[in-house]
Protein backbone atom coordinates (compact mmCIF):
# COMPACT_ATOMS: atom_id res chain seq x y z
CA MET A 1 47.36 69.49 82.84
CA VAL A 2 48.61 72.65 84.39
CA LYS A 3 50.38 72.68 87.70
CA TYR A 4 51.50 75.82 89.45
CA GLU A 5 54.75 75.38 91.23
CA ASP A 6 56.91 77.42 93.59
CA GLU A 7 60.12 78.29 92.04
CA CYS A 8 61.50 80.46 94.91
CA VAL A 9 64.95 81.91 94.15
CA GLY A 10 65.61 82.95 97.65
CA CYS A 11 65.55 86.67 97.57
CA PRO A 12 68.07 88.55 99.82
CA PRO A 13 66.82 89.60 103.29
CA GLU A 14 67.17 93.21 102.51
CA ILE A 15 64.53 93.01 99.77
CA GLY A 16 62.37 90.47 101.43
CA CYS A 17 59.96 87.96 100.15
CA LEU A 18 57.13 89.35 98.14
CA HIS A 19 54.93 86.12 98.63
CA SER A 20 51.88 86.14 96.47
CA ALA A 21 53.21 89.22 94.41
CA CYS A 22 56.38 87.27 93.53
CA LYS A 23 56.59 86.09 89.80
CA TYR A 24 58.46 83.01 90.87
CA GLN A 25 55.74 81.82 93.41
CA ASN A 26 53.00 80.30 91.10
CA VAL A 27 54.87 79.53 87.90
CA PRO A 28 52.60 77.46 85.54
CA HIS A 29 54.00 74.25 84.09
CA TYR A 30 52.20 72.30 81.46
CA TYR A 31 52.31 68.47 81.66
CA CYS A 32 50.76 65.78 79.31
CA ASP A 33 47.81 63.99 80.87
CA LYS A 34 49.12 60.76 79.21
CA CYS A 35 52.81 60.48 79.59
CA GLY A 36 53.49 63.23 82.17
CA ASP A 37 56.23 65.02 80.09
CA GLU A 38 56.41 68.89 80.26
CA ASP A 39 55.77 70.06 76.69
CA LYS A 40 53.53 72.10 74.40
CA LEU A 41 50.10 70.61 74.89
CA TYR A 42 47.10 69.98 72.57
CA ASP A 43 43.48 69.70 73.86
CA TYR A 44 42.08 66.57 72.36
CA ASP A 45 39.01 64.64 73.52
CA GLY A 46 38.89 66.18 77.09
CA GLU A 47 42.68 65.66 77.62
CA GLN A 48 45.75 67.81 77.17
CA LEU A 49 48.37 65.78 75.27
CA CYS A 50 51.82 66.29 74.06
CA LYS A 51 52.48 65.83 70.33
CA SER A 52 53.62 62.29 70.45
CA CYS A 53 50.83 61.19 72.66
CA LEU A 54 48.31 62.91 70.49
CA LEU A 55 49.66 61.33 67.37
CA GLY A 56 49.65 57.88 69.16
CA ASN A 57 45.76 58.19 69.19
CA PHE A 58 45.55 57.90 65.42
CA LYS A 59 46.34 55.01 62.89
CA VAL A 60 48.55 55.60 59.93
CA VAL A 61 46.78 55.09 56.60
CA GLU A 62 48.55 52.18 54.76
CA GLY A 63 50.25 53.25 51.61
CA SER A 64 50.45 56.87 52.52
CA GLU A 65 53.91 56.91 53.90
């Protein structure tokens, strides 16, 4: 899942806050739908999963290791 988070850096008063124009206000973060870890995600069966959760959906073929 994608969550947009405010990562305000506290701009100095002489510059002022840019609010919605600030690149730190709505920063996308990508979290696995299953474990919640922030990582690279893969779309699988309607979910966005990290690599370890994605691989957990599959069985290892015996003798292939």
